[in-house]
């Protein structure tokens, strides 16, 4: 008997805390998230690796063995390094479909002899019994459908991401989060994915098209977003309405 009461109390406290958070955000506006290591976007094991020791120069040469440039390579390659992600999305899609379906069924069945019982059925239905047309089924259905999609998206943003993990094949897992607050509106931009070290340019930048398993989110919260959003009761009615 005590366990349900405890669970009910915990649920009530969680609801009250959520309500208080919503009320505070409504009065004061959205608050910025604390700065921290971006481990929530892609849950990975955070294992830091020691920086490799610089190799000595070859005999009678200023170049180090295996070096890719005369100066040190400033591109991100270790956990904790920062690189710039350029997000330039300009997509357009237009689709139009038309469907027309028609079907007609006609089935007739009869019994000529059935152990002499057809005569008994004739006496039971003297008005219109016909053994040759004992069963008859007819049906027809028609369906017409038309659909079209016209969509255009354009996003041009830049964000700094952090290398959070190095896979066994050398690919880098990156995560980045950016928040900008203007008056009472907070805009959030998050990016996460897997990149190849070879795709990172000499300026330590990479395009979003070169990120595998890319997860890009751009949105916000605040007074404007709250007014533009559909009320919760209306959303529930539209989602579960059978009509």
Protein backbone atom coordinates (compact mmCIF):
# COMPACT_ATOMS: atom_id res chain seq x y z
CA UNK A 1 0.00 0.00 0.00
CA UNK A 2 2.89 2.36 0.60
CA UNK A 3 4.55 1.88 -2.79
CA UNK A 4 1.62 3.26 -4.87
CA UNK A 5 1.40 6.24 -2.52
CA UNK A 6 5.11 6.95 -2.93
CA UNK A 7 4.85 6.67 -6.72
CA UNK A 8 1.85 9.00 -6.74
CA UNK A 9 3.73 11.53 -4.62
CA UNK A 10 6.75 11.39 -6.93
CA UNK A 11 4.55 11.85 -9.99
CA UNK A 12 2.78 14.80 -8.39
CA UNK A 13 6.10 16.42 -7.44
CA UNK A 14 7.44 15.93 -10.98
CA UNK A 15 4.33 17.51 -12.47
CA UNK A 16 4.55 20.41 -10.04
CA UNK A 17 8.23 20.98 -10.87
CA UNK A 18 7.44 20.89 -14.59
CA UNK A 19 4.60 23.34 -14.11
CA UNK A 20 6.83 25.65 -12.04
CA UNK A 21 9.49 25.51 -14.74
CA UNK A 22 6.94 26.44 -17.38
CA UNK A 23 5.56 29.28 -15.28
CA UNK A 24 9.04 30.67 -14.56
CA UNK A 25 9.95 30.51 -18.25
CA UNK A 26 6.71 32.27 -19.15
CA UNK A 27 7.38 35.10 -16.70
CA UNK A 28 11.15 35.53 -17.07
CA UNK A 29 11.68 34.17 -20.56
CA UNK A 30 13.78 31.16 -21.61
CA UNK A 31 17.11 30.69 -19.86
CA UNK A 32 20.38 29.68 -21.53
CA UNK A 33 21.64 26.18 -20.81
CA UNK A 34 24.85 25.93 -18.76
CA UNK A 35 28.08 25.55 -20.70
CA UNK A 36 29.36 22.00 -20.57
CA UNK A 37 30.85 19.16 -22.52
CA UNK A 38 28.30 18.19 -25.23
CA UNK A 39 27.75 14.59 -24.18
CA UNK A 40 23.95 14.58 -24.48
CA UNK A 41 23.65 14.84 -28.26
CA UNK A 42 25.34 11.53 -29.07
CA UNK A 43 25.87 9.29 -26.02
CA UNK A 44 29.38 7.91 -26.36
CA UNK A 45 32.07 6.82 -23.95
CA UNK A 46 34.29 9.79 -23.25
CA UNK A 47 37.87 8.46 -23.34
CA UNK A 48 40.57 11.06 -23.65
CA UNK A 49 43.68 10.13 -25.57
CA UNK A 50 47.10 11.56 -24.95
CA UNK A 51 48.45 13.85 -27.64
CA UNK A 52 50.98 12.09 -29.87
CA UNK A 53 54.60 12.97 -29.31
CA UNK A 54 56.17 15.01 -32.15
CA UNK A 55 58.50 13.02 -34.33
CA UNK A 56 62.04 14.13 -34.77
CA UNK A 57 63.27 15.47 -38.10
CA UNK A 58 65.02 13.16 -40.50
CA UNK A 59 68.74 13.44 -40.95
CA UNK A 60 69.76 16.53 -42.95
CA UNK A 61 66.07 17.55 -43.35
CA UNK A 62 63.67 20.05 -41.82
CA UNK A 63 60.72 17.72 -42.41
CA UNK A 64 59.48 15.30 -39.80
CA UNK A 65 58.82 11.75 -40.86
CA UNK A 66 55.12 11.38 -41.72
CA UNK A 67 54.41 15.13 -41.53
CA UNK A 68 51.67 16.44 -43.82
CA UNK A 69 52.75 20.10 -43.74
CA UNK A 70 55.81 22.21 -43.00
CA UNK A 71 54.08 23.68 -39.96
CA UNK A 72 51.95 21.84 -37.40
CA UNK A 73 48.60 20.53 -38.58
CA UNK A 74 45.92 22.64 -36.86
CA UNK A 75 42.99 20.51 -37.95
CA UNK A 76 40.87 18.75 -35.33
CA UNK A 77 41.99 15.19 -34.77
CA UNK A 78 41.89 14.53 -31.03
CA UNK A 79 39.09 14.38 -28.48
CA UNK A 80 38.31 17.88 -27.27
CA UNK A 81 39.49 19.62 -30.45
CA UNK A 82 37.17 22.18 -32.05
CA UNK A 83 36.23 22.46 -35.73
CA UNK A 84 33.81 24.65 -37.66
CA UNK A 85 30.74 23.14 -39.35
CA UNK A 86 29.23 25.02 -42.27
CA UNK A 87 25.52 24.32 -42.73
CA UNK A 88 24.14 25.43 -46.09
CA UNK A 89 20.87 23.69 -46.91
CA UNK A 90 18.91 24.74 -49.99
CA UNK A 91 16.47 21.94 -50.77
CA UNK A 92 13.38 21.97 -52.94
CA UNK A 93 10.98 19.08 -53.47
CA UNK A 94 7.79 18.86 -55.50
CA UNK A 95 5.72 15.70 -55.88
CA UNK A 96 2.27 15.10 -57.37
CA UNK A 97 0.38 11.80 -57.35
CA UNK A 98 -3.04 10.78 -58.68
CA UNK A 99 -4.70 7.42 -57.95
CA UNK A 100 -7.88 5.99 -59.51
CA UNK A 101 -9.09 2.54 -58.49
CA UNK A 102 -12.27 0.66 -59.48
CA UNK A 103 -13.43 -2.89 -58.75
CA UNK A 104 -16.63 -4.86 -59.50
CA UNK A 105 -17.56 -8.35 -58.23
CA UNK A 106 -20.44 -10.63 -59.30
CA UNK A 107 -20.78 -14.15 -57.85
CA UNK A 108 -23.74 -16.54 -58.42
CA UNK A 109 -24.06 -20.10 -57.12
CA UNK A 110 -26.78 -22.76 -57.16
CA UNK A 111 -27.59 -26.36 -56.11
CA UNK A 112 -29.33 -28.72 -58.52
CA UNK A 113 -29.49 -31.79 -56.30
CA UNK A 114 -28.87 -32.07 -52.59
CA UNK A 115 -30.24 -35.41 -51.32
CA UNK A 116 -33.71 -34.32 -52.37
CA UNK A 117 -33.82 -31.50 -49.87
CA UNK A 118 -34.15 -28.92 -52.63
CA UNK A 119 -37.83 -29.90 -52.94
CA UNK A 120 -38.36 -29.29 -49.23
CA UNK A 121 -36.79 -25.85 -49.61
CA UNK A 122 -39.14 -25.23 -52.52
CA UNK A 123 -42.13 -25.94 -50.28
CA UNK A 124 -40.70 -23.66 -47.58
CA UNK A 125 -40.25 -20.78 -50.04
CA UNK A 126 -43.05 -21.26 -52.57
CA UNK A 127 -42.91 -17.69 -53.79
CA UNK A 128 -39.46 -17.48 -55.42
CA UNK A 129 -37.16 -20.42 -54.76
CA UNK A 130 -34.74 -21.23 -57.59
CA UNK A 131 -32.14 -23.98 -56.96
CA UNK A 132 -30.07 -22.72 -59.89
CA UNK A 133 -29.58 -19.32 -58.23
CA UNK A 134 -29.42 -20.24 -54.57
CA UNK A 135 -26.63 -17.74 -53.72
CA UNK A 136 -25.88 -14.42 -55.38
CA UNK A 137 -23.34 -11.78 -54.33
CA UNK A 138 -22.59 -8.47 -56.05
CA UNK A 139 -20.23 -5.72 -55.05
CA UNK A 140 -18.45 -2.70 -56.42
CA UNK A 141 -15.95 -0.18 -55.06
CA UNK A 142 -14.40 3.01 -56.36
CA UNK A 143 -11.56 5.07 -54.92
CA UNK A 144 -10.03 8.29 -56.19
CA UNK A 145 -7.10 10.07 -54.58
CA UNK A 146 -4.94 13.08 -55.35
CA UNK A 147 -1.90 14.29 -53.41
CA UNK A 148 0.79 16.88 -53.90
CA UNK A 149 3.82 18.05 -51.93
CA UNK A 150 5.65 21.32 -52.47
CA UNK A 151 8.49 22.06 -50.03
CA UNK A 152 11.38 24.51 -49.93
CA UNK A 153 13.98 24.81 -47.17
CA UNK A 154 16.95 27.14 -46.91
CA UNK A 155 19.33 27.30 -43.95
CA UNK A 156 22.70 29.07 -43.93
CA UNK A 157 24.46 28.76 -40.57
CA UNK A 158 27.89 28.17 -39.05
CA UNK A 159 28.57 26.43 -35.76
CA UNK A 160 31.63 25.25 -33.84
CA UNK A 161 31.62 21.58 -32.84
CA UNK A 162 33.76 19.51 -30.49
CA UNK A 163 35.32 16.11 -31.19
CA UNK A 164 33.81 13.83 -28.56
CA UNK A 165 35.02 10.40 -29.65
CA UNK A 166 37.36 8.65 -32.08
CA UNK A 167 36.08 5.46 -33.70
CA UNK A 168 38.25 2.41 -34.28
CA UNK A 169 38.69 3.27 -37.98
CA UNK A 170 39.85 6.82 -37.18
CA UNK A 171 36.61 8.65 -37.92
CA UNK A 172 35.63 11.44 -35.53
CA UNK A 173 32.35 11.86 -33.67
CA UNK A 174 31.49 15.56 -33.38
CA UNK A 175 28.86 17.42 -31.39
CA UNK A 176 28.00 21.08 -31.26
CA UNK A 177 25.36 23.29 -29.65
CA UNK A 178 24.70 26.99 -29.99
CA UNK A 179 22.14 29.14 -28.20
CA UNK A 180 21.30 32.77 -29.00
CA UNK A 181 18.87 34.73 -26.88
CA UNK A 182 17.27 37.89 -28.25
CA UNK A 183 14.87 39.60 -25.85
CA UNK A 184 12.46 36.82 -24.85
CA UNK A 185 13.19 34.41 -27.69
CA UNK A 186 15.88 31.71 -27.56
CA UNK A 187 17.21 30.11 -30.74
CA UNK A 188 18.94 26.72 -30.53
CA UNK A 189 21.18 25.07 -33.09
CA UNK A 190 22.57 21.57 -32.56
CA UNK A 191 24.66 19.40 -34.85
CA UNK A 192 26.11 15.92 -34.38
CA UNK A 193 27.51 13.20 -36.60
CA UNK A 194 30.58 11.33 -37.83
CA UNK A 195 33.26 12.84 -40.08
CA UNK A 196 36.44 11.63 -41.73
CA UNK A 197 39.62 13.48 -40.79
CA UNK A 198 40.49 13.65 -44.51
CA UNK A 199 37.34 15.72 -45.21
CA UNK A 200 38.33 18.49 -42.80
CA UNK A 201 39.79 21.38 -44.79
CA UNK A 202 43.06 23.15 -44.04
CA UNK A 203 40.99 25.94 -42.44
CA UNK A 204 39.62 23.37 -39.95
CA UNK A 205 36.11 23.52 -41.44
CA UNK A 206 33.76 20.89 -42.82
CA UNK A 207 30.48 21.06 -44.74
CA UNK A 208 27.32 19.43 -43.41
CA UNK A 209 27.13 17.28 -46.55
CA UNK A 210 30.32 15.51 -45.42
CA UNK A 211 28.89 14.49 -42.04
CA UNK A 212 27.63 10.92 -41.83
CA UNK A 213 24.62 10.18 -39.60
CA UNK A 214 24.13 13.95 -39.38
CA UNK A 215 21.65 15.23 -36.81
CA UNK A 216 20.94 18.93 -37.34
CA UNK A 217 18.28 20.77 -35.36
CA UNK A 218 17.38 24.44 -35.57
CA UNK A 219 14.53 25.81 -33.52
CA UNK A 220 13.74 27.84 -30.49
CA UNK A 221 11.46 28.61 -27.64
CA UNK A 222 10.01 31.75 -26.16
CA UNK A 223 7.05 34.08 -26.52
CA UNK A 224 6.94 34.03 -30.34
CA UNK A 225 7.31 30.25 -30.61
CA UNK A 226 4.66 29.76 -27.92
CA UNK A 227 2.12 31.92 -29.78
CA UNK A 228 2.84 30.22 -33.11
CA UNK A 229 2.48 26.70 -31.67
CA UNK A 230 -0.86 24.87 -31.70
CA UNK A 231 -2.50 24.63 -28.25
CA UNK A 232 -2.05 21.26 -26.55
CA UNK A 233 -5.79 20.49 -26.35
CA UNK A 234 -6.26 21.22 -30.05
CA UNK A 235 -3.28 19.03 -30.96
CA UNK A 236 -4.74 16.11 -28.97
CA UNK A 237 -8.14 16.50 -30.63
CA UNK A 238 -6.60 16.64 -34.12
CA UNK A 239 -4.37 13.64 -33.43
CA UNK A 240 -7.00 11.27 -32.02
CA UNK A 241 -10.14 12.49 -33.80
CA UNK A 242 -11.59 9.69 -35.99
CA UNK A 243 -13.18 12.19 -38.38
